[in-house]
Amino acid sequence: MTGATPVVSTAVVLIADAEVDDGLVNAFTSRGVEVRVVGDGALALLEAGRLAPATVLVDAALPVLDGVGVVRALRATRDRGEVTILLGVGPHDRSLAAAGLEAGASACVAKPYLVGEVLALAGLGPDGVGVAGGANAAGRGGPELTVPAVHGLPAGGADPEVLRVGAVTLDVGAHQVSVDGVPVAVPPREFRLLRVLLERAGRVVPRESLLELVWGASTMDSNTLAVHVRRLRRRLGDTAETPWSIESVRGVGYRYRLPAG
């Protein structure tokens, strides 16, 4: 293959993850995007050189060459304006998230993947309109996404049934929420909404994903979600003057803020 001319396309996504769900692949192809799936790091680098994809989704725990190594090798040849590199991080790969970002990943995404989240980071909205540069498209017509080093994993590797982010604690089994140790009454629908946001604290969760996970449908009136978010903010003690919990990311979805420091 030496000397072969790369196939350059802004509509190619390379997924280096043998366990990727068909739903994610189908979501890309239904939007007219060509998808190539490989199962190890060496093949990922070969295909990246051949296809020059606009977005690469890399499992952190790839065999042959792990995801961090793939990210580092890709970023050595292509800058952030040329390719969006997403590192998939599972519950046992938490330590690799910071290393992946340091190596040049555009963002880390928790596994199992949320289809809407990956599409948004790749620059593909629900209507299938692509934005070149994906997660790097801020300022060029795409959504601005701020992604921290670690996403969507139980804090400190603790019991996943108890989620703690800053002052808020959510006990899944007991169906209880507390703020600074004080119990807060949260209805079932808002409880599920808060759980989804806490599990992905610091990451933008697209509206479509929230509707699917909380209501089981992605085609509902988006005002329904907005109303529940406002109610949940009030229950947590958030105010318009001093917002600290759930922030809206215009045109994309909502993000539960990680505490400063």
Protein backbone atom coordinates (compact mmCIF):
# COMPACT_ATOMS: atom_id res chain seq x y z
CA MET A 1 0.00 0.00 0.00
CA THR A 2 3.08 2.24 0.09
CA GLY A 3 2.64 5.28 -2.10
CA ALA A 4 -1.13 4.91 -2.28
CA THR A 5 -3.06 8.17 -2.45
CA PRO A 6 -5.23 8.76 0.65
CA VAL A 7 -8.97 8.98 0.08
CA VAL A 8 -9.76 12.42 1.48
CA SER A 9 -13.34 13.06 2.55
CA THR A 10 -15.09 15.19 5.14
CA ALA A 11 -17.80 12.53 5.32
CA VAL A 12 -15.74 9.62 6.64
CA VAL A 13 -15.77 8.41 10.24
CA LEU A 14 -13.29 5.82 11.48
CA ILE A 15 -14.36 3.81 14.55
CA ALA A 16 -11.62 1.83 16.26
CA ASP A 17 -13.74 -0.26 18.61
CA ALA A 18 -14.66 -3.90 17.97
CA GLU A 19 -17.57 -3.66 20.42
CA VAL A 20 -19.25 -0.62 18.88
CA ASP A 21 -23.03 -0.91 18.73
CA ASP A 22 -24.70 -1.17 15.32
CA GLY A 23 -27.00 1.66 16.34
CA LEU A 24 -24.13 4.15 16.30
CA VAL A 25 -22.86 2.91 12.94
CA ASN A 26 -26.36 3.10 11.48
CA ALA A 27 -26.82 6.62 12.85
CA PHE A 28 -23.77 7.78 10.91
CA THR A 29 -24.60 5.94 7.68
CA SER A 30 -28.21 7.18 7.74
CA ARG A 31 -26.75 10.68 7.59
CA GLY A 32 -24.75 9.90 4.47
CA VAL A 33 -21.47 9.36 6.33
CA GLU A 34 -19.09 6.59 5.32
CA VAL A 35 -18.07 4.49 8.34
CA ARG A 36 -15.08 2.17 8.68
CA VAL A 37 -14.84 -0.03 11.80
CA VAL A 38 -11.61 -1.70 12.91
CA GLY A 39 -10.74 -3.69 16.01
CA ASP A 40 -7.18 -2.79 16.96
CA GLY A 41 -4.85 0.19 17.15
CA ALA A 42 -2.55 -0.84 14.31
CA LEU A 43 -5.43 -1.15 11.86
CA ALA A 44 -6.77 2.17 13.10
CA LEU A 45 -3.56 3.95 12.08
CA LEU A 46 -3.46 2.20 8.70
CA GLU A 47 -7.06 3.12 7.91
CA ALA A 48 -6.62 6.67 9.18
CA GLY A 49 -3.73 7.13 6.76
CA ARG A 50 -5.72 5.65 3.89
CA LEU A 51 -9.05 7.39 4.47
CA ALA A 52 -8.05 10.68 6.14
CA PRO A 53 -11.32 10.69 8.15
CA ALA A 54 -12.82 13.87 9.61
CA THR A 55 -13.66 12.07 12.87
CA VAL A 56 -12.00 9.13 14.62
CA LEU A 57 -13.65 7.37 17.58
CA VAL A 58 -11.05 5.30 19.45
CA ASP A 59 -11.64 2.81 22.27
CA ALA A 60 -9.14 3.49 25.07
CA ALA A 61 -8.59 -0.25 25.62
CA LEU A 62 -7.73 -1.25 22.04
CA PRO A 63 -5.46 -4.28 21.54
CA VAL A 64 -2.06 -4.13 19.75
CA LEU A 65 -1.81 -0.37 20.32
CA ASP A 66 -4.05 1.20 22.95
CA GLY A 67 -6.27 4.19 22.34
CA VAL A 68 -3.90 6.71 23.88
CA GLY A 69 -1.12 5.52 21.58
CA VAL A 70 -3.44 5.83 18.58
CA VAL A 71 -4.43 9.36 19.60
CA ARG A 72 -0.80 10.38 20.01
CA ALA A 73 0.20 8.95 16.62
CA LEU A 74 -2.75 10.55 14.82
CA ARG A 75 -2.20 13.94 16.41
CA ALA A 76 1.47 13.87 15.42
CA THR A 77 0.43 13.98 11.77
CA ARG A 78 -2.88 15.88 11.80
CA ASP A 79 -3.74 18.97 13.83
CA ARG A 80 -6.99 19.78 15.62
CA GLY A 81 -8.43 21.62 12.65
CA GLU A 82 -8.10 18.55 10.43
CA VAL A 83 -9.53 15.72 12.52
CA THR A 84 -11.72 15.29 15.58
CA ILE A 85 -10.43 12.46 17.79
CA LEU A 86 -12.83 11.05 20.38
CA LEU A 87 -11.49 8.65 23.02
CA GLY A 88 -14.03 6.12 24.32
CA VAL A 89 -13.52 5.52 28.04
CA GLY A 90 -15.19 2.65 29.90
CA PRO A 91 -15.69 2.33 33.68
CA HIS A 92 -12.30 0.59 34.06
CA ASP A 93 -10.38 2.96 31.76
CA ARG A 94 -10.78 6.11 33.85
CA SER A 95 -7.03 6.62 34.31
CA LEU A 96 -6.60 6.82 30.53
CA ALA A 97 -8.96 9.80 30.08
CA ALA A 98 -6.49 12.49 31.17
CA ALA A 99 -3.66 10.78 29.28
CA GLY A 100 -5.81 10.71 26.14
CA LEU A 101 -6.54 14.43 26.31
CA GLU A 102 -2.88 15.17 26.94
CA ALA A 103 -2.01 13.07 23.89
CA GLY A 104 -4.33 15.22 21.77
CA ALA A 105 -7.85 13.80 21.96
CA SER A 106 -10.51 16.37 21.18
CA ALA A 107 -12.80 14.87 23.84
CA CYS A 108 -13.38 11.77 25.94
CA VAL A 109 -16.77 10.06 25.80
CA ALA A 110 -18.11 7.52 28.27
CA LYS A 111 -18.97 3.98 27.19
CA PRO A 112 -21.52 2.70 26.41
CA TYR A 113 -21.79 5.47 23.86
CA LEU A 114 -24.78 7.78 23.64
CA VAL A 115 -25.57 8.06 19.93
CA GLY A 116 -26.73 11.68 20.15
CA GLU A 117 -23.64 12.70 22.10
CA VAL A 118 -21.19 11.15 19.64
CA LEU A 119 -23.05 12.67 16.69
CA ALA A 120 -22.93 16.10 18.30
CA LEU A 121 -19.21 15.85 19.01
CA ALA A 122 -18.64 14.70 15.45
CA GLY A 123 -20.50 17.78 14.22
CA LEU A 124 -23.62 16.00 13.02
CA GLY A 125 -26.92 17.42 14.22
CA PRO A 126 -30.19 15.49 14.44
CA ASP A 127 -31.13 16.74 10.97
CA GLY A 128 -28.01 15.18 9.49
CA VAL A 129 -26.29 18.47 8.67
CA GLY A 130 -22.57 18.03 9.20
CA VAL A 131 -20.15 20.54 10.64
CA ALA A 132 -16.56 20.13 9.47
CA GLY A 133 -14.19 19.70 12.35
CA GLY A 134 -16.74 18.21 14.76
CA ALA A 135 -15.80 19.04 18.34
CA ASN A 136 -13.35 21.63 17.05
CA ALA A 137 -15.95 23.57 15.09
CA ALA A 138 -16.63 26.25 17.69
CA GLY A 139 -16.41 29.63 16.05
CA ARG A 140 -16.92 28.12 12.59
CA GLY A 141 -20.67 27.53 12.74
CA GLY A 142 -20.65 24.42 14.95
CA PRO A 143 -21.76 23.98 18.55
CA GLU A 144 -19.27 25.01 21.21
CA LEU A 145 -18.57 22.01 23.41
CA THR A 146 -16.42 22.17 26.53
CA VAL A 147 -15.28 18.70 27.60
CA PRO A 148 -13.21 18.07 30.76
CA ALA A 149 -10.64 15.34 31.30
CA VAL A 150 -12.92 12.76 32.91
CA HIS A 151 -16.55 12.15 31.96
CA GLY A 152 -19.53 10.10 33.04
CA LEU A 153 -17.78 7.79 35.50
CA PRO A 154 -18.73 7.17 39.15
CA ALA A 155 -16.71 9.60 41.28
CA GLY A 156 -13.62 8.01 42.75
CA GLY A 157 -14.66 4.61 41.43
CA ALA A 158 -17.27 4.48 44.22
CA ASP A 159 -20.56 2.63 44.29
CA PRO A 160 -22.24 3.49 40.95
CA GLU A 161 -25.58 3.38 42.79
CA VAL A 162 -24.56 6.53 44.68
CA LEU A 163 -23.64 9.51 42.49
CA ARG A 164 -21.90 12.50 44.06
CA VAL A 165 -21.05 15.66 42.17
CA GLY A 166 -20.16 18.64 44.32
CA ALA A 167 -22.93 19.33 46.83
CA VAL A 168 -25.43 16.95 45.20
CA THR A 169 -25.76 13.27 46.09
CA LEU A 170 -28.16 10.91 44.30
CA ASP A 171 -28.79 7.46 45.77
CA VAL A 172 -30.25 5.31 42.99
CA GLY A 173 -31.33 2.41 45.18
CA ALA A 174 -32.96 4.55 47.85
CA HIS A 175 -34.34 6.99 45.27
CA GLN A 176 -33.09 9.91 47.34
CA VAL A 177 -31.43 13.22 46.49
CA SER A 178 -29.67 15.52 48.92
CA VAL A 179 -27.93 18.89 48.59
CA ASP A 180 -25.20 19.55 51.16
CA GLY A 181 -26.61 16.64 53.13
CA VAL A 182 -30.15 18.02 53.20
CA PRO A 183 -32.78 15.73 51.59
CA VAL A 184 -34.61 17.17 48.59
CA ALA A 185 -37.91 15.83 47.25
CA VAL A 186 -37.50 15.04 43.53
CA PRO A 187 -40.33 13.45 41.47
CA PRO A 188 -39.53 10.28 39.48
CA ARG A 189 -39.15 11.95 36.06
CA GLU A 190 -36.86 14.66 37.37
CA PHE A 191 -34.96 12.03 39.37
CA ARG A 192 -34.21 10.14 36.15
CA LEU A 193 -33.20 13.37 34.43
CA LEU A 194 -30.83 14.27 37.27
CA ARG A 195 -29.36 10.77 37.26
CA VAL A 196 -28.54 10.95 33.54
CA LEU A 197 -26.92 14.37 33.94
CA LEU A 198 -24.90 13.36 37.02
CA GLU A 199 -23.67 10.18 35.35
CA ARG A 200 -22.31 12.39 32.57
CA ALA A 201 -21.31 15.37 34.69
CA GLY A 202 -19.16 17.85 32.82
CA ARG A 203 -20.31 16.62 29.42
CA VAL A 204 -22.96 18.01 27.15
CA VAL A 205 -25.88 15.59 26.84
CA PRO A 206 -27.84 16.30 23.63
CA ARG A 207 -31.56 17.00 23.96
CA GLU A 208 -32.40 13.96 21.83
CA SER A 209 -30.43 11.70 24.16
CA LEU A 210 -32.12 13.11 27.26
CA LEU A 211 -35.56 12.63 25.75
CA GLU A 212 -34.73 9.03 24.80
CA LEU A 213 -33.24 8.16 28.19
CA VAL A 214 -35.82 9.91 30.37
CA TRP A 215 -39.02 9.76 28.29
CA GLY A 216 -38.23 6.93 25.87
CA ALA A 217 -38.83 9.10 22.79
CA SER A 218 -36.68 11.63 20.93
CA THR A 219 -39.49 13.41 19.04
CA MET A 220 -41.29 15.08 21.94
CA ASP A 221 -41.79 18.81 22.23
CA SER A 222 -38.43 20.14 23.44
CA ASN A 223 -40.29 22.54 25.77
CA THR A 224 -41.16 19.52 27.93
CA LEU A 225 -37.48 18.99 28.65
CA ALA A 226 -36.87 22.68 29.30
CA VAL A 227 -39.70 22.79 31.85
CA HIS A 228 -38.35 19.78 33.74
CA VAL A 229 -34.85 21.24 33.76
CA ARG A 230 -36.16 24.51 35.24
CA ARG A 231 -38.05 22.62 37.95
CA LEU A 232 -35.01 20.50 38.76
CA ARG A 233 -32.79 23.56 39.02
CA ARG A 234 -35.18 25.11 41.54
CA ARG A 235 -35.26 21.93 43.64
CA LEU A 236 -31.45 21.94 43.77
CA GLY A 237 -31.44 25.56 44.92
CA ASP A 238 -30.18 27.02 41.67
CA THR A 239 -31.17 30.58 40.78
CA ALA A 240 -30.89 32.77 37.71
CA GLU A 241 -28.55 35.07 39.63
CA THR A 242 -26.20 32.32 40.85
CA PRO A 243 -26.54 29.31 38.54
CA TRP A 244 -24.32 26.42 39.55
CA SER A 245 -25.95 23.13 38.62
CA ILE A 246 -27.38 22.58 35.13
CA GLU A 247 -26.38 24.78 32.23
CA SER A 248 -27.92 24.97 28.78
CA VAL A 249 -25.63 24.65 25.75
CA ARG A 250 -27.41 26.52 23.01
CA GLY A 251 -28.51 24.35 20.11
CA VAL A 252 -27.15 21.13 21.65
CA GLY A 253 -28.45 20.15 25.09
CA TYR A 254 -27.63 20.40 28.79
CA ARG A 255 -24.58 19.85 30.97
CA TYR A 256 -24.26 19.34 34.71
CA ARG A 257 -21.38 21.50 35.82
CA LEU A 258 -18.42 19.99 37.57
CA PRO A 259 -17.47 21.88 40.74
CA ALA A 260 -14.64 24.39 40.31
CA GLY A 261 -11.26 23.14 41.40
